[in-house]
Amino acid sequence: MYDINITLPETCSNTRGEPALKKVSPASLREQLYESIMDAILTNQYHPGEVLQIDKLANDFGVSTTPVREALVRLEGTGLVKLMPNKGAQVTAVSSQDVSDIWEVRMILEPYAARLAAKTAHEYEMQAMRSRLQYVLNTPEDFSSYLQSDLELHGLLAKHLTNRVLLDILEKLGRHYTRIRYFAESDPVAGRTDVIRQVTSEHLTIVESLLTRNADGTASAVLEHLRNGERRTLDALARRQQNGHLSLHI
């Protein structure tokens, strides 16, 4: 039994009203630095296409350049950045093809995970998830809670898997679709609360099916949710492009 744990970082706002970067403490420096830079990429503090300069990162996080270089090499392995000789790294772009590729794999794997979850998930986990979703449904303006509830639900579906290879795939996918959705959906737009209500209603349908231990019904609900999610994400990305975000390639 394993956990997929992707959690949005709790940060303070800087003078520009953006989430502040997390400072790194001396303990487990290299791992913390890697996680901190990755968090900043996932939450679009570092935007797609942005160049991450080694000296600036070292100054921002209060560390030397050596662990920064090591962190960027590791991040290239995740596909989140592309190394630039003698400069640092560039955050990889987001494209509609990325969305199609990622959601295609999700639609293959997550219904399978959902079938298993319907048989093995604990009652208290499902009840807690339902309560969390009810809160989001009643407060759709709270974007961070909405996005975190999405991650928690999909984490719950995978939590009771025992196939480490499958979990590694889902965890990597989770990083990428978190970044894509945060980039696509984080700007307040007309109708965003309606979308949040729609997504959360779909999440509740999945949880209700889990609570009845209906494996087929849960898998079907997850597949329908993912199909809808792909369409919504592509629509949101297109809106970002129309608004002049040049780091997006549709």
Protein backbone atom coordinates (compact mmCIF):
# COMPACT_ATOMS: atom_id res chain seq x y z
CA MET A 1 0.00 0.00 0.00
CA TYR A 2 1.44 3.33 -1.04
CA ASP A 3 0.55 7.01 -1.10
CA ILE A 4 0.81 9.42 -3.97
CA ASN A 5 1.44 12.65 -2.14
CA ILE A 6 1.38 15.86 -4.15
CA THR A 7 0.51 18.76 -1.89
CA LEU A 8 0.34 22.39 -2.83
CA PRO A 9 2.81 24.31 -0.65
CA GLU A 10 1.61 26.74 1.98
CA THR A 11 3.37 30.01 1.21
CA CYS A 12 3.16 33.66 2.16
CA SER A 13 2.58 36.39 -0.38
CA ASN A 14 5.38 38.65 -1.54
CA THR A 15 5.06 42.33 -2.33
CA ARG A 16 3.60 41.53 -5.74
CA GLY A 17 0.81 39.48 -4.21
CA GLU A 18 2.33 36.23 -5.52
CA PRO A 19 3.10 33.18 -3.35
CA ALA A 20 6.54 33.62 -1.79
CA LEU A 21 9.25 31.05 -2.44
CA LYS A 22 9.90 28.64 0.41
CA LYS A 23 13.25 29.18 2.11
CA VAL A 24 15.41 26.12 2.57
CA SER A 25 16.64 25.04 6.01
CA PRO A 26 20.04 23.37 6.47
CA ALA A 27 18.65 19.89 7.19
CA SER A 28 18.40 17.67 4.12
CA LEU A 29 19.42 20.69 2.06
CA ARG A 30 19.58 19.05 -1.34
CA GLU A 31 16.23 17.30 -1.04
CA GLN A 32 14.51 20.38 0.35
CA LEU A 33 15.92 22.56 -2.42
CA TYR A 34 14.76 20.11 -5.07
CA GLU A 35 11.26 20.00 -3.57
CA SER A 36 11.11 23.78 -3.17
CA ILE A 37 12.03 24.50 -6.78
CA MET A 38 9.64 21.81 -7.98
CA ASP A 39 6.82 23.30 -5.86
CA ALA A 40 7.51 26.70 -7.41
CA ILE A 41 7.25 25.18 -10.89
CA LEU A 42 4.09 23.19 -10.13
CA THR A 43 2.33 26.25 -8.74
CA ASN A 44 3.55 28.47 -11.58
CA GLN A 45 5.66 30.79 -9.48
CA TYR A 46 8.12 29.85 -12.22
CA HIS A 47 6.13 30.04 -15.43
CA PRO A 48 6.43 27.79 -18.50
CA GLY A 49 9.24 29.14 -20.66
CA GLU A 50 10.92 31.02 -17.80
CA VAL A 51 14.71 30.74 -17.54
CA LEU A 52 15.94 29.71 -14.07
CA GLN A 53 19.40 31.19 -13.54
CA ILE A 54 21.64 29.28 -11.16
CA ASP A 55 23.03 32.34 -9.36
CA LYS A 56 19.58 33.85 -8.88
CA LEU A 57 18.14 30.60 -7.54
CA ALA A 58 21.05 30.29 -5.12
CA ASN A 59 20.40 33.81 -3.89
CA ASP A 60 16.61 33.32 -3.67
CA PHE A 61 16.94 30.18 -1.57
CA GLY A 62 20.01 31.22 0.41
CA VAL A 63 22.24 28.35 -0.74
CA SER A 64 25.39 27.84 -2.79
CA THR A 65 25.26 27.13 -6.52
CA THR A 66 26.27 23.46 -6.21
CA PRO A 67 22.98 22.11 -4.77
CA VAL A 68 21.09 24.32 -7.25
CA ARG A 69 22.86 22.64 -10.17
CA GLU A 70 22.12 19.22 -8.69
CA ALA A 71 18.44 20.08 -8.22
CA LEU A 72 18.10 21.28 -11.81
CA VAL A 73 19.65 18.06 -13.12
CA ARG A 74 17.11 16.05 -11.13
CA LEU A 75 14.27 18.27 -12.33
CA GLU A 76 15.26 17.73 -15.94
CA GLY A 77 14.67 14.03 -15.30
CA THR A 78 11.06 14.81 -14.38
CA GLY A 79 10.48 16.72 -17.61
CA LEU A 80 9.71 19.96 -15.77
CA VAL A 81 12.82 21.81 -16.98
CA LYS A 82 15.35 21.65 -19.80
CA LEU A 83 18.98 22.35 -18.90
CA MET A 84 20.73 25.28 -20.60
CA PRO A 85 24.57 25.05 -20.64
CA ASN A 86 26.25 27.74 -18.53
CA LYS A 87 22.91 29.40 -17.74
CA GLY A 88 20.68 27.14 -15.67
CA ALA A 89 17.44 25.67 -16.95
CA GLN A 90 14.25 26.64 -18.70
CA VAL A 91 10.83 25.60 -17.42
CA THR A 92 9.27 23.43 -20.11
CA ALA A 93 6.34 24.78 -22.09
CA VAL A 94 2.75 23.60 -21.74
CA SER A 95 0.96 22.45 -24.88
CA SER A 96 -2.38 21.01 -25.87
CA GLN A 97 -0.53 17.87 -26.94
CA ASP A 98 0.79 17.52 -23.39
CA VAL A 99 -2.80 17.62 -22.14
CA SER A 100 -3.97 15.00 -24.65
CA ASP A 101 -1.04 12.70 -23.91
CA ILE A 102 -1.34 12.95 -20.12
CA TRP A 103 -5.11 12.58 -19.99
CA GLU A 104 -4.98 9.60 -22.38
CA VAL A 105 -2.72 7.71 -20.00
CA ARG A 106 -4.82 8.78 -17.02
CA MET A 107 -7.93 7.41 -18.71
CA ILE A 108 -6.20 4.05 -19.06
CA LEU A 109 -4.80 3.80 -15.53
CA GLU A 110 -7.10 5.67 -13.15
CA PRO A 111 -10.32 3.70 -13.81
CA TYR A 112 -8.32 0.57 -12.95
CA ALA A 113 -7.15 2.17 -9.72
CA ALA A 114 -10.72 3.26 -8.99
CA ARG A 115 -11.98 -0.33 -9.25
CA LEU A 116 -9.49 -1.41 -6.62
CA ALA A 117 -10.25 1.58 -4.40
CA ALA A 118 -13.94 0.69 -4.40
CA LYS A 119 -13.01 -2.64 -2.84
CA THR A 120 -10.28 -1.57 -0.43
CA ALA A 121 -10.65 2.10 0.58
CA HIS A 122 -11.55 2.66 4.22
CA GLU A 123 -14.94 4.07 5.14
CA TYR A 124 -13.44 6.92 7.17
CA GLU A 125 -11.27 7.99 4.20
CA MET A 126 -14.25 8.18 1.90
CA GLN A 127 -16.39 10.02 4.44
CA ALA A 128 -13.60 12.54 5.05
CA MET A 129 -13.24 13.05 1.32
CA ARG A 130 -16.96 13.62 0.96
CA SER A 131 -16.88 16.26 3.72
CA ARG A 132 -13.94 18.00 2.06
CA LEU A 133 -15.76 18.09 -1.27
CA GLN A 134 -18.92 19.43 0.33
CA TYR A 135 -16.85 22.30 1.72
CA VAL A 136 -15.42 23.05 -1.73
CA LEU A 137 -18.88 22.90 -3.28
CA ASN A 138 -20.07 25.51 -0.78
CA THR A 139 -16.99 27.75 -1.19
CA PRO A 140 -16.11 27.58 -4.92
CA GLU A 141 -14.19 30.86 -4.70
CA ASP A 142 -11.48 29.09 -2.65
CA PHE A 143 -9.30 27.96 -5.55
CA SER A 144 -6.50 26.47 -3.44
CA SER A 145 -8.91 24.24 -1.50
CA TYR A 146 -10.53 23.17 -4.75
CA LEU A 147 -7.23 22.19 -6.37
CA GLN A 148 -6.03 20.43 -3.23
CA SER A 149 -9.28 18.45 -3.01
CA ASP A 150 -8.74 17.30 -6.58
CA LEU A 151 -5.26 16.05 -5.75
CA GLU A 152 -6.53 14.33 -2.60
CA LEU A 153 -9.32 12.52 -4.40
CA HIS A 154 -7.08 11.17 -7.14
CA GLY A 155 -4.53 10.29 -4.47
CA LEU A 156 -7.21 8.35 -2.61
CA LEU A 157 -8.00 6.36 -5.75
CA ALA A 158 -4.35 5.31 -6.02
CA LYS A 159 -3.61 4.96 -2.32
CA HIS A 160 -4.36 1.26 -2.02
CA LEU A 161 -2.48 0.14 -5.11
CA THR A 162 0.39 -2.27 -4.47
CA ASN A 163 2.02 -2.01 -7.91
CA ARG A 164 5.02 0.28 -7.39
CA VAL A 165 5.59 0.76 -11.13
CA LEU A 166 2.00 1.89 -11.64
CA LEU A 167 2.26 4.24 -8.68
CA ASP A 168 5.45 5.79 -10.00
CA ILE A 169 3.72 6.48 -13.32
CA LEU A 170 0.70 8.04 -11.60
CA GLU A 171 2.93 10.16 -9.37
CA LYS A 172 4.84 11.54 -12.36
CA LEU A 173 1.58 12.21 -14.19
CA GLY A 174 0.28 13.93 -11.08
CA ARG A 175 3.11 16.45 -11.13
CA HIS A 176 2.49 17.32 -14.75
CA TYR A 177 -1.27 17.63 -14.62
CA THR A 178 -1.02 19.69 -11.43
CA ARG A 179 1.24 22.17 -13.19
CA ILE A 180 -0.92 22.25 -16.32
CA ARG A 181 -4.13 22.81 -14.41
CA TYR A 182 -2.59 25.40 -12.12
CA PHE A 183 -1.30 27.27 -15.17
CA ALA A 184 -4.58 26.94 -17.06
CA GLU A 185 -7.06 27.60 -14.26
CA SER A 186 -5.43 29.87 -11.69
CA ASP A 187 -6.40 33.17 -13.32
CA PRO A 188 -9.84 34.31 -12.10
CA VAL A 189 -12.21 34.35 -15.06
CA ALA A 190 -15.94 34.70 -15.49
CA GLY A 191 -17.60 31.38 -14.79
CA ARG A 192 -14.69 29.81 -12.91
CA THR A 193 -16.80 29.14 -9.83
CA ASP A 194 -19.33 27.35 -12.05
CA VAL A 195 -16.56 25.11 -13.36
CA ILE A 196 -15.37 24.40 -9.82
CA ARG A 197 -18.89 23.41 -8.81
CA GLN A 198 -19.17 21.13 -11.85
CA VAL A 199 -15.83 19.44 -11.19
CA THR A 200 -16.60 19.02 -7.50
CA SER A 201 -20.00 17.54 -8.28
CA GLU A 202 -18.25 14.96 -10.46
CA HIS A 203 -15.86 14.25 -7.60
CA LEU A 204 -18.79 13.71 -5.25
CA THR A 205 -20.34 11.28 -7.74
CA ILE A 206 -17.11 9.27 -7.64
CA VAL A 207 -17.04 9.27 -3.83
CA GLU A 208 -20.69 8.24 -3.57
CA SER A 209 -19.94 5.31 -5.87
CA LEU A 210 -16.92 4.41 -3.74
CA LEU A 211 -19.11 4.40 -0.64
CA THR A 212 -21.43 1.84 -2.22
CA ARG A 213 -18.43 -0.36 -3.14
CA ASN A 214 -19.57 -0.27 -6.77
CA ALA A 215 -16.33 -0.99 -8.64
CA ASP A 216 -17.82 -0.74 -12.14
CA GLY A 217 -19.74 2.41 -11.28
CA THR A 218 -16.68 4.04 -9.75
CA ALA A 219 -14.52 3.24 -12.78
CA SER A 220 -17.19 4.64 -15.11
CA ALA A 221 -17.55 7.81 -13.04
CA VAL A 222 -13.78 8.35 -13.06
CA LEU A 223 -13.56 7.82 -16.82
CA GLU A 224 -16.37 10.29 -17.48
CA HIS A 225 -14.76 12.79 -15.12
CA LEU A 226 -11.41 12.50 -16.91
CA ARG A 227 -13.02 12.98 -20.32
CA ASN A 228 -14.75 16.11 -19.07
CA GLY A 229 -11.54 17.24 -17.40
CA GLU A 230 -9.53 16.98 -20.59
CA ARG A 231 -12.06 19.13 -22.42
CA ARG A 232 -12.16 21.72 -19.62
CA THR A 233 -8.38 21.90 -19.42
CA LEU A 234 -7.97 22.37 -23.16
CA ASP A 235 -10.60 25.13 -23.08
CA ALA A 236 -8.80 26.84 -20.20
CA LEU A 237 -5.45 26.61 -21.98
CA ALA A 238 -6.96 28.15 -25.10
CA ARG A 239 -8.26 31.06 -23.03
CA ARG A 240 -4.79 31.60 -21.58
CA GLN A 241 -3.35 31.74 -25.10
CA GLN A 242 -5.96 34.27 -26.19
CA ASN A 243 -5.05 36.41 -23.18
CA GLY A 244 -1.47 36.65 -24.38
CA HIS A 245 0.38 34.04 -22.32
CA LEU A 246 3.08 33.26 -24.87
CA SER A 247 4.58 30.37 -22.92
CA LEU A 248 1.60 28.25 -23.90
CA HIS A 249 1.77 26.42 -27.22
CA ILE A 250 -1.59 25.15 -28.50
